Each structure stands twice: as C-alpha cells, then as structure tokens.
Amino acid sequence: MANSTEQRPHVSTDNNANQTHYYVTLLIAIAFGLAGTFFRFIQDSFLFTSISNILLIIGSFIAFRTVFKIMK
C-alpha cells in the first residue's frame, strides 16, 4: 500500500507583532500618558491643564499609530 501524501513546502511566517521596536514605542506612549495624567493633578491652572492635555493627545496618537501598525 503506497502512501499518497505529498510533502508540502515549509511555510515561513513573519510575525510582525513580535518586533521589539513596537513595544519600546508603546512604552514611550504609556510614559507620555502617565505624565499627562500626573500634570493634570499638580495644580488647577490653565498652564498645567494645557500641558496635560497635550501630553495625553501625543501619547494617545503614538499608541494608536503603533497598534494599527502592528495590526497591519
């Protein structure tokens, strides 16, 4: 009785999500977000509120951009 199974070629999968630079970028985005949260609770003034909002926006932008690059 002969075996009729064929040998399939090895499939190479490049897992894009495991690259280190994505995690470093996400860590930087989290640091921006935490700094923005910290500045929000320092003092109730226009300057600190503006700084905190800018830091939170920058951190969110970097995080979303990195996550969408991983998903791509």
PDB file of N, CA and C in Angstrom:
ATOM      1  N   MET A   1       0.843  -1.172   0.000  1.00  0.00           N
ATOM      2  CA  MET A   1       0.000   0.000   0.000  1.00  0.00           C
ATOM      3  C   MET A   1       0.893   1.241   0.000  1.00  0.00           C
ATOM      4  N   ALA A   2       0.747   2.061  -0.976  1.00  0.00           N
ATOM      5  CA  ALA A   2       1.594   3.240  -1.138  1.00  0.00           C
ATOM      6  C   ALA A   2       0.997   4.433  -0.392  1.00  0.00           C
ATOM      7  N   ASN A   3       1.881   5.255   0.095  1.00  0.00           N
ATOM      8  CA  ASN A   3       1.460   6.475   0.798  1.00  0.00           C
ATOM      9  C   ASN A   3       1.305   7.584  -0.234  1.00  0.00           C
ATOM     10  N   SER A   4       0.125   8.177  -0.322  1.00  0.00           N
ATOM     11  CA  SER A   4      -0.140   9.159  -1.371  1.00  0.00           C
ATOM     12  C   SER A   4      -0.059  10.607  -0.871  1.00  0.00           C
ATOM     13  N   THR A   5       0.505  10.817   0.294  1.00  0.00           N
ATOM     14  CA  THR A   5       0.609  12.201   0.784  1.00  0.00           C
ATOM     15  C   THR A   5       1.829  12.873   0.176  1.00  0.00           C
ATOM     16  N   GLU A   6       1.662  14.119  -0.161  1.00  0.00           N
ATOM     17  CA  GLU A   6       2.761  14.900  -0.728  1.00  0.00           C
ATOM     18  C   GLU A   6       3.444  15.700   0.363  1.00  0.00           C
ATOM     19  N   GLN A   7       4.693  15.971   0.148  1.00  0.00           N
ATOM     20  CA  GLN A   7       5.421  16.849   1.051  1.00  0.00           C
ATOM     21  C   GLN A   7       5.097  18.289   0.696  1.00  0.00           C
ATOM     22  N   ARG A   8       4.593  19.019   1.671  1.00  0.00           N
ATOM     23  CA  ARG A   8       4.288  20.423   1.445  1.00  0.00           C
ATOM     24  C   ARG A   8       5.508  21.263   1.758  1.00  0.00           C
ATOM     25  N   PRO A   9       5.682  22.381   1.039  1.00  0.00           N
ATOM     26  CA  PRO A   9       6.830  23.256   1.344  1.00  0.00           C
ATOM     27  C   PRO A   9       6.638  23.925   2.700  1.00  0.00           C
ATOM     28  N   HIS A  10       7.750  24.207   3.349  1.00  0.00           N
ATOM     29  CA  HIS A  10       7.725  24.872   4.646  1.00  0.00           C
ATOM     30  C   HIS A  10       7.185  26.292   4.476  1.00  0.00           C
ATOM     31  N   VAL A  11       6.228  26.645   5.306  1.00  0.00           N
ATOM     32  CA  VAL A  11       5.620  27.964   5.252  1.00  0.00           C
ATOM     33  C   VAL A  11       6.350  28.870   6.231  1.00  0.00           C
ATOM     34  N   SER A  12       6.893  29.949   5.730  1.00  0.00           N
ATOM     35  CA  SER A  12       7.582  30.916   6.578  1.00  0.00           C
ATOM     36  C   SER A  12       6.611  32.011   6.977  1.00  0.00           C
ATOM     37  N   THR A  13       6.436  32.167   8.272  1.00  0.00           N
ATOM     38  CA  THR A  13       5.551  33.218   8.753  1.00  0.00           C
ATOM     39  C   THR A  13       6.381  34.267   9.466  1.00  0.00           C
ATOM     40  N   ASP A  14       6.291  35.477   9.020  1.00  0.00           N
ATOM     41  CA  ASP A  14       6.950  36.589   9.683  1.00  0.00           C
ATOM     42  C   ASP A  14       5.939  37.240  10.608  1.00  0.00           C
ATOM     43  N   ASN A  15       6.116  37.023  11.887  1.00  0.00           N
ATOM     44  CA  ASN A  15       5.199  37.593  12.855  1.00  0.00           C
ATOM     45  C   ASN A  15       5.639  39.020  13.140  1.00  0.00           C
ATOM     46  N   ASN A  16       4.930  39.955  12.577  1.00  0.00           N
ATOM     47  CA  ASN A  16       5.286  41.369  12.660  1.00  0.00           C
ATOM     48  C   ASN A  16       5.080  41.930  14.061  1.00  0.00           C
ATOM     49  N   ALA A  17       4.203  41.327  14.843  1.00  0.00           N
ATOM     50  CA  ALA A  17       3.858  41.880  16.148  1.00  0.00           C
ATOM     51  C   ALA A  17       4.937  41.631  17.194  1.00  0.00           C
ATOM     52  N   ASN A  18       5.866  40.734  16.952  1.00  0.00           N
ATOM     53  CA  ASN A  18       6.878  40.409  17.956  1.00  0.00           C
ATOM     54  C   ASN A  18       8.143  41.245  17.842  1.00  0.00           C
ATOM     55  N   GLN A  19       8.141  42.273  17.046  1.00  0.00           N
ATOM     56  CA  GLN A  19       9.338  43.097  16.908  1.00  0.00           C
ATOM     57  C   GLN A  19       9.463  44.027  18.107  1.00  0.00           C
ATOM     58  N   THR A  20      10.690  44.192  18.561  1.00  0.00           N
ATOM     59  CA  THR A  20      10.950  44.910  19.798  1.00  0.00           C
ATOM     60  C   THR A  20      10.607  46.387  19.712  1.00  0.00           C
ATOM     61  N   HIS A  21      10.824  47.011  18.567  1.00  0.00           N
ATOM     62  CA  HIS A  21      10.610  48.458  18.483  1.00  0.00           C
ATOM     63  C   HIS A  21       9.155  48.849  18.688  1.00  0.00           C
ATOM     64  N   TYR A  22       8.221  47.936  18.416  1.00  0.00           N
ATOM     65  CA  TYR A  22       6.820  48.242  18.701  1.00  0.00           C
ATOM     66  C   TYR A  22       6.580  48.378  20.205  1.00  0.00           C
ATOM     67  N   TYR A  23       7.185  47.490  20.970  1.00  0.00           N
ATOM     68  CA  TYR A  23       6.980  47.529  22.410  1.00  0.00           C
ATOM     69  C   TYR A  23       7.681  48.718  23.047  1.00  0.00           C
ATOM     70  N   VAL A  24       8.821  49.104  22.517  1.00  0.00           N
ATOM     71  CA  VAL A  24       9.507  50.301  23.013  1.00  0.00           C
ATOM     72  C   VAL A  24       8.661  51.541  22.728  1.00  0.00           C
ATOM     73  N   THR A  25       8.088  51.609  21.533  1.00  0.00           N
ATOM     74  CA  THR A  25       7.236  52.745  21.179  1.00  0.00           C
ATOM     75  C   THR A  25       5.982  52.795  22.043  1.00  0.00           C
ATOM     76  N   LEU A  26       5.397  51.634  22.325  1.00  0.00           N
ATOM     77  CA  LEU A  26       4.230  51.606  23.208  1.00  0.00           C
ATOM     78  C   LEU A  26       4.595  52.023  24.625  1.00  0.00           C
ATOM     79  N   LEU A  27       5.780  51.652  25.080  1.00  0.00           N
ATOM     80  CA  LEU A  27       6.233  52.071  26.403  1.00  0.00           C
ATOM     81  C   LEU A  27       6.400  53.587  26.477  1.00  0.00           C
ATOM     82  N   ILE A  28       6.915  54.190  25.413  1.00  0.00           N
ATOM     83  CA  ILE A  28       7.051  55.648  25.360  1.00  0.00           C
ATOM     84  C   ILE A  28       5.669  56.311  25.358  1.00  0.00           C
ATOM     85  N   ALA A  29       4.723  55.736  24.624  1.00  0.00           N
ATOM     86  CA  ALA A  29       3.365  56.286  24.595  1.00  0.00           C
ATOM     87  C   ALA A  29       2.716  56.199  25.971  1.00  0.00           C
ATOM     88  N   ILE A  30       2.944  55.107  26.674  1.00  0.00           N
ATOM     89  CA  ILE A  30       2.394  54.970  28.028  1.00  0.00           C
ATOM     90  C   ILE A  30       3.031  55.988  28.961  1.00  0.00           C
ATOM     91  N   ALA A  31       4.332  56.244  28.792  1.00  0.00           N
ATOM     92  CA  ALA A  31       5.005  57.242  29.625  1.00  0.00           C
ATOM     93  C   ALA A  31       4.424  58.637  29.383  1.00  0.00           C
ATOM     94  N   PHE A  32       4.142  58.973  28.130  1.00  0.00           N
ATOM     95  CA  PHE A  32       3.506  60.259  27.827  1.00  0.00           C
ATOM     96  C   PHE A  32       2.126  60.345  28.481  1.00  0.00           C
ATOM     97  N   GLY A  33       1.368  59.266  28.401  1.00  0.00           N
ATOM     98  CA  GLY A  33       0.041  59.258  29.002  1.00  0.00           C
ATOM     99  C   GLY A  33       0.088  59.400  30.519  1.00  0.00           C
ATOM    100  N   LEU A  34       1.041  58.719  31.159  1.00  0.00           N
ATOM    101  CA  LEU A  34       1.171  58.841  32.614  1.00  0.00           C
ATOM    102  C   LEU A  34       1.636  60.233  33.017  1.00  0.00           C
ATOM    103  N   ALA A  35       2.533  60.813  32.235  1.00  0.00           N
ATOM    104  CA  ALA A  35       2.977  62.180  32.533  1.00  0.00           C
ATOM    105  C   ALA A  35       1.821  63.161  32.377  1.00  0.00           C
ATOM    106  N   GLY A  36       0.996  62.958  31.366  1.00  0.00           N
ATOM    107  CA  GLY A  36      -0.170  63.817  31.181  1.00  0.00           C
ATOM    108  C   GLY A  36      -1.156  63.697  32.333  1.00  0.00           C
ATOM    109  N   THR A  37      -1.329  62.475  32.827  1.00  0.00           N
ATOM    110  CA  THR A  37      -2.214  62.282  33.977  1.00  0.00           C
ATOM    111  C   THR A  37      -1.629  62.931  35.232  1.00  0.00           C
ATOM    112  N   PHE A  38      -0.317  62.823  35.398  1.00  0.00           N
ATOM    113  CA  PHE A  38       0.339  63.438  36.556  1.00  0.00           C
ATOM    114  C   PHE A  38       0.200  64.958  36.525  1.00  0.00           C
ATOM    115  N   PHE A  39       0.424  65.565  35.362  1.00  0.00           N
ATOM    116  CA  PHE A  39       0.300  67.019  35.246  1.00  0.00           C
ATOM    117  C   PHE A  39      -1.135  67.491  35.488  1.00  0.00           C
ATOM    118  N   ARG A  40      -2.100  66.636  35.239  1.00  0.00           N
ATOM    119  CA  ARG A  40      -3.484  67.022  35.453  1.00  0.00           C
ATOM    120  C   ARG A  40      -3.780  67.252  36.933  1.00  0.00           C
ATOM    121  N   PHE A  41      -3.086  66.534  37.813  1.00  0.00           N
ATOM    122  CA  PHE A  41      -3.376  66.623  39.237  1.00  0.00           C
ATOM    123  C   PHE A  41      -2.378  67.486  40.005  1.00  0.00           C
ATOM    124  N   ILE A  42      -1.444  68.157  39.337  1.00  0.00           N
ATOM    125  CA  ILE A  42      -0.479  69.002  40.041  1.00  0.00           C
ATOM    126  C   ILE A  42      -1.170  70.233  40.623  1.00  0.00           C
ATOM    127  N   GLN A  43      -1.765  71.000  39.751  1.00  0.00           N
ATOM    128  CA  GLN A  43      -2.397  72.240  40.193  1.00  0.00           C
ATOM    129  C   GLN A  43      -3.506  72.569  39.200  1.00  0.00           C
ATOM    130  N   ASP A  44      -4.511  73.262  39.674  1.00  0.00           N
ATOM    131  CA  ASP A  44      -5.622  73.612  38.794  1.00  0.00           C
ATOM    132  C   ASP A  44      -5.343  74.975  38.167  1.00  0.00           C
ATOM    133  N   SER A  45      -4.579  74.934  37.074  1.00  0.00           N
ATOM    134  CA  SER A  45      -4.286  76.163  36.342  1.00  0.00           C
ATOM    135  C   SER A  45      -4.361  75.867  34.849  1.00  0.00           C
ATOM    136  N   PHE A  46      -4.471  76.907  34.070  1.00  0.00           N
ATOM    137  CA  PHE A  46      -4.589  76.749  32.622  1.00  0.00           C
ATOM    138  C   PHE A  46      -3.329  76.125  32.027  1.00  0.00           C
ATOM    139  N   LEU A  47      -2.159  76.505  32.548  1.00  0.00           N
ATOM    140  CA  LEU A  47      -0.893  76.004  32.014  1.00  0.00           C
ATOM    141  C   LEU A  47      -0.762  74.500  32.211  1.00  0.00           C
ATOM    142  N   PHE A  48      -0.984  74.014  33.418  1.00  0.00           N
ATOM    143  CA  PHE A  48      -0.832  72.592  33.685  1.00  0.00           C
ATOM    144  C   PHE A  48      -1.920  71.764  33.003  1.00  0.00           C
ATOM    145  N   THR A  49      -3.105  72.313  32.898  1.00  0.00           N
ATOM    146  CA  THR A  49      -4.167  71.610  32.184  1.00  0.00           C
ATOM    147  C   THR A  49      -3.834  71.501  30.697  1.00  0.00           C
ATOM    148  N   SER A  50      -3.287  72.561  30.124  1.00  0.00           N
ATOM    149  CA  SER A  50      -2.900  72.531  28.708  1.00  0.00           C
ATOM    150  C   SER A  50      -1.765  71.541  28.471  1.00  0.00           C
ATOM    151  N   ILE A  51      -0.772  71.552  29.352  1.00  0.00           N
ATOM    152  CA  ILE A  51       0.350  70.610  29.219  1.00  0.00           C
ATOM    153  C   ILE A  51      -0.151  69.173  29.328  1.00  0.00           C
ATOM    154  N   SER A  52      -1.035  68.923  30.288  1.00  0.00           N
ATOM    155  CA  SER A  52      -1.539  67.561  30.462  1.00  0.00           C
ATOM    156  C   SER A  52      -2.351  67.114  29.250  1.00  0.00           C
ATOM    157  N   ASN A  53      -3.172  68.001  28.700  1.00  0.00           N
ATOM    158  CA  ASN A  53      -3.957  67.635  27.516  1.00  0.00           C
ATOM    159  C   ASN A  53      -3.058  67.356  26.318  1.00  0.00           C
ATOM    160  N   ILE A  54      -2.022  68.156  26.138  1.00  0.00           N
ATOM    161  CA  ILE A  54      -1.095  67.939  25.025  1.00  0.00           C
ATOM    162  C   ILE A  54      -0.362  66.618  25.182  1.00  0.00           C
ATOM    163  N   LEU A  55       0.108  66.309  26.399  1.00  0.00           N
ATOM    164  CA  LEU A  55       0.803  65.050  26.629  1.00  0.00           C
ATOM    165  C   LEU A  55      -0.116  63.849  26.419  1.00  0.00           C
ATOM    166  N   LEU A  56      -1.353  63.962  26.860  1.00  0.00           N
ATOM    167  CA  LEU A  56      -2.298  62.865  26.661  1.00  0.00           C
ATOM    168  C   LEU A  56      -2.619  62.653  25.180  1.00  0.00           C
ATOM    169  N   ILE A  57      -2.741  63.734  24.437  1.00  0.00           N
ATOM    170  CA  ILE A  57      -3.010  63.618  22.999  1.00  0.00           C
ATOM    171  C   ILE A  57      -1.827  62.996  22.277  1.00  0.00           C
ATOM    172  N   ILE A  58      -0.611  63.419  22.619  1.00  0.00           N
ATOM    173  CA  ILE A  58       0.591  62.853  21.995  1.00  0.00           C
ATOM    174  C   ILE A  58       0.700  61.364  22.317  1.00  0.00           C
ATOM    175  N   GLY A  59       0.509  61.003  23.587  1.00  0.00           N
ATOM    176  CA  GLY A  59       0.588  59.595  23.977  1.00  0.00           C
ATOM    177  C   GLY A  59      -0.463  58.740  23.288  1.00  0.00           C
ATOM    178  N   SER A  60      -1.676  59.249  23.190  1.00  0.00           N
ATOM    179  CA  SER A  60      -2.745  58.501  22.519  1.00  0.00           C
ATOM    180  C   SER A  60      -2.460  58.339  21.035  1.00  0.00           C
ATOM    181  N   PHE A  61      -1.972  59.392  20.409  1.00  0.00           N
ATOM    182  CA  PHE A  61      -1.652  59.327  18.978  1.00  0.00           C
ATOM    183  C   PHE A  61      -0.566  58.289  18.704  1.00  0.00           C
ATOM    184  N   ILE A  62       0.500  58.314  19.504  1.00  0.00           N
ATOM    185  CA  ILE A  62       1.588  57.359  19.315  1.00  0.00           C
ATOM    186  C   ILE A  62       1.093  55.934  19.551  1.00  0.00           C
ATOM    187  N   ALA A  63       0.289  55.733  20.597  1.00  0.00           N
ATOM    188  CA  ALA A  63      -0.209  54.389  20.907  1.00  0.00           C
ATOM    189  C   ALA A  63      -1.114  53.860  19.799  1.00  0.00           C
ATOM    190  N   PHE A  64      -2.057  54.667  19.334  1.00  0.00           N
ATOM    191  CA  PHE A  64      -2.949  54.206  18.265  1.00  0.00           C
ATOM    192  C   PHE A  64      -2.190  53.930  16.975  1.00  0.00           C
ATOM    193  N   ARG A  65      -1.243  54.787  16.647  1.00  0.00           N
ATOM    194  CA  ARG A  65      -0.460  54.584  15.433  1.00  0.00           C
ATOM    195  C   ARG A  65       0.333  53.276  15.510  1.00  0.00           C
ATOM    196  N   THR A  66       0.919  52.992  16.658  1.00  0.00           N
ATOM    197  CA  THR A  66       1.702  51.772  16.816  1.00  0.00           C
ATOM    198  C   THR A  66       0.819  50.546  16.776  1.00  0.00           C
ATOM    199  N   VAL A  67      -0.320  50.585  17.427  1.00  0.00           N
ATOM    200  CA  VAL A  67      -1.213  49.420  17.423  1.00  0.00           C
ATOM    201  C   VAL A  67      -1.727  49.151  16.017  1.00  0.00           C
ATOM    202  N   PHE A  68      -2.042  50.188  15.263  1.00  0.00           N
ATOM    203  CA  PHE A  68      -2.510  49.961  13.899  1.00  0.00           C
ATOM    204  C   PHE A  68      -1.388  49.466  12.987  1.00  0.00           C
ATOM    205  N   LYS A  69      -0.139  49.846  13.268  1.00  0.00           N
ATOM    206  CA  LYS A  69       0.982  49.287  12.500  1.00  0.00           C
ATOM    207  C   LYS A  69       1.154  47.809  12.811  1.00  0.00           C
ATOM    208  N   ILE A  70       0.945  47.423  14.071  1.00  0.00           N
ATOM    209  CA  ILE A  70       1.044  46.004  14.434  1.00  0.00           C
ATOM    210  C   ILE A  70      -0.055  45.210  13.745  1.00  0.00           C
ATOM    211  N   MET A  71      -1.253  45.753  13.715  1.00  0.00           N
ATOM    212  CA  MET A  71      -2.380  45.044  13.099  1.00  0.00           C
ATOM    213  C   MET A  71      -2.254  44.938  11.590  1.00  0.00           C
ATOM    214  N   LYS A  72      -1.510  45.818  10.988  1.00  0.00           N
ATOM    215  CA  LYS A  72      -1.356  45.838   9.535  1.00  0.00           C
ATOM    216  C   LYS A  72      -0.560  44.678   9.083  1.00  0.00           C
TER     217      LYS A  72
END
